[in-house]
Protein backbone atom coordinates (compact mmCIF):
# COMPACT_ATOMS: atom_id res chain seq x y z
CA MET A 1 16.09 7.68 -9.16
CA LEU A 2 12.74 7.71 -7.37
CA ASN A 3 11.64 10.94 -9.04
CA GLY A 4 7.92 10.75 -9.79
CA SER A 5 7.53 7.38 -8.09
CA TRP A 6 5.25 8.83 -5.43
CA ALA A 7 2.71 9.79 -8.10
CA ARG A 8 2.45 6.22 -9.35
CA VAL A 9 2.13 4.80 -5.86
CA LYS A 10 -0.41 7.43 -4.86
CA TYR A 11 -2.81 6.38 -7.61
CA ILE A 12 -2.28 2.64 -7.34
CA GLY A 13 -5.38 0.64 -6.51
CA PRO A 14 -5.92 -2.17 -3.99
CA ASN A 15 -6.06 -4.71 -6.81
CA ASP A 16 -2.61 -3.63 -7.97
CA LEU A 17 -1.16 -3.43 -4.49
CA PHE A 18 -2.29 -6.60 -2.74
CA PRO A 19 -2.63 -9.62 -5.08
CA LEU A 20 0.96 -10.66 -4.36
CA HIS A 21 0.26 -10.55 -0.64
CA LYS A 22 -2.92 -12.60 -0.90
CA ARG A 23 -4.86 -9.78 0.74
CA THR A 24 -3.74 -10.57 4.26
CA ILE A 25 -3.20 -8.10 7.07
CA ASP A 26 0.49 -9.06 7.36
CA GLY A 27 1.11 -8.69 3.65
CA CYS A 28 -0.71 -5.42 3.69
CA THR A 29 1.20 -3.87 6.55
CA SER A 30 4.52 -4.99 5.08
CA THR A 31 3.50 -3.36 1.79
CA VAL A 32 2.62 -0.15 3.61
CA ARG A 33 5.93 -0.20 5.47
CA HIS A 34 7.78 -0.77 2.20
CA ILE A 35 5.99 2.19 0.60
CA ARG A 36 6.75 4.39 3.61
CA SER A 37 10.41 3.38 3.56
CA ILE A 38 10.64 4.55 -0.04
CA LEU A 39 8.49 7.66 0.19
CA ARG A 40 8.97 8.81 3.79
CA LEU A 41 5.39 10.10 3.77
CA ASP A 42 2.94 9.63 6.62
CA PHE A 43 -0.13 9.79 4.36
CA CYS A 44 0.89 6.45 2.88
CA GLU A 45 0.39 4.63 6.16
CA LYS A 46 -3.05 6.12 6.76
CA GLN A 47 -4.23 5.92 3.16
CA TYR A 48 -3.03 2.42 2.35
CA LEU A 49 -3.79 0.93 5.74
CA ASN A 50 -7.43 1.91 5.16
CA ILE A 51 -7.38 0.29 1.72
CA CYS A 52 -5.66 -2.70 3.28
CA ARG A 53 -8.31 -3.19 5.93
CA ALA A 54 -11.09 -2.84 3.38
CA VAL A 55 -9.48 -5.27 0.95
CA SER A 56 -8.37 -7.74 3.58
CA PHE A 57 -11.85 -8.39 4.88
CA GLU A 58 -13.34 -8.83 1.42
CA LYS A 59 -13.58 -12.43 0.24
């Protein structure tokens, strides 16, 4: 069911990932947790948390 989903998530950009969460830290971390719960991959937390921090502090 989730076959190949990791590839799409891996290449998703901050603009695709965070508009629904209004680029807040809370929205970002919940998104990262959601991705991790689906993928069970540690790189997601590190990779997307970095994107999250960068995006969150941009106005």
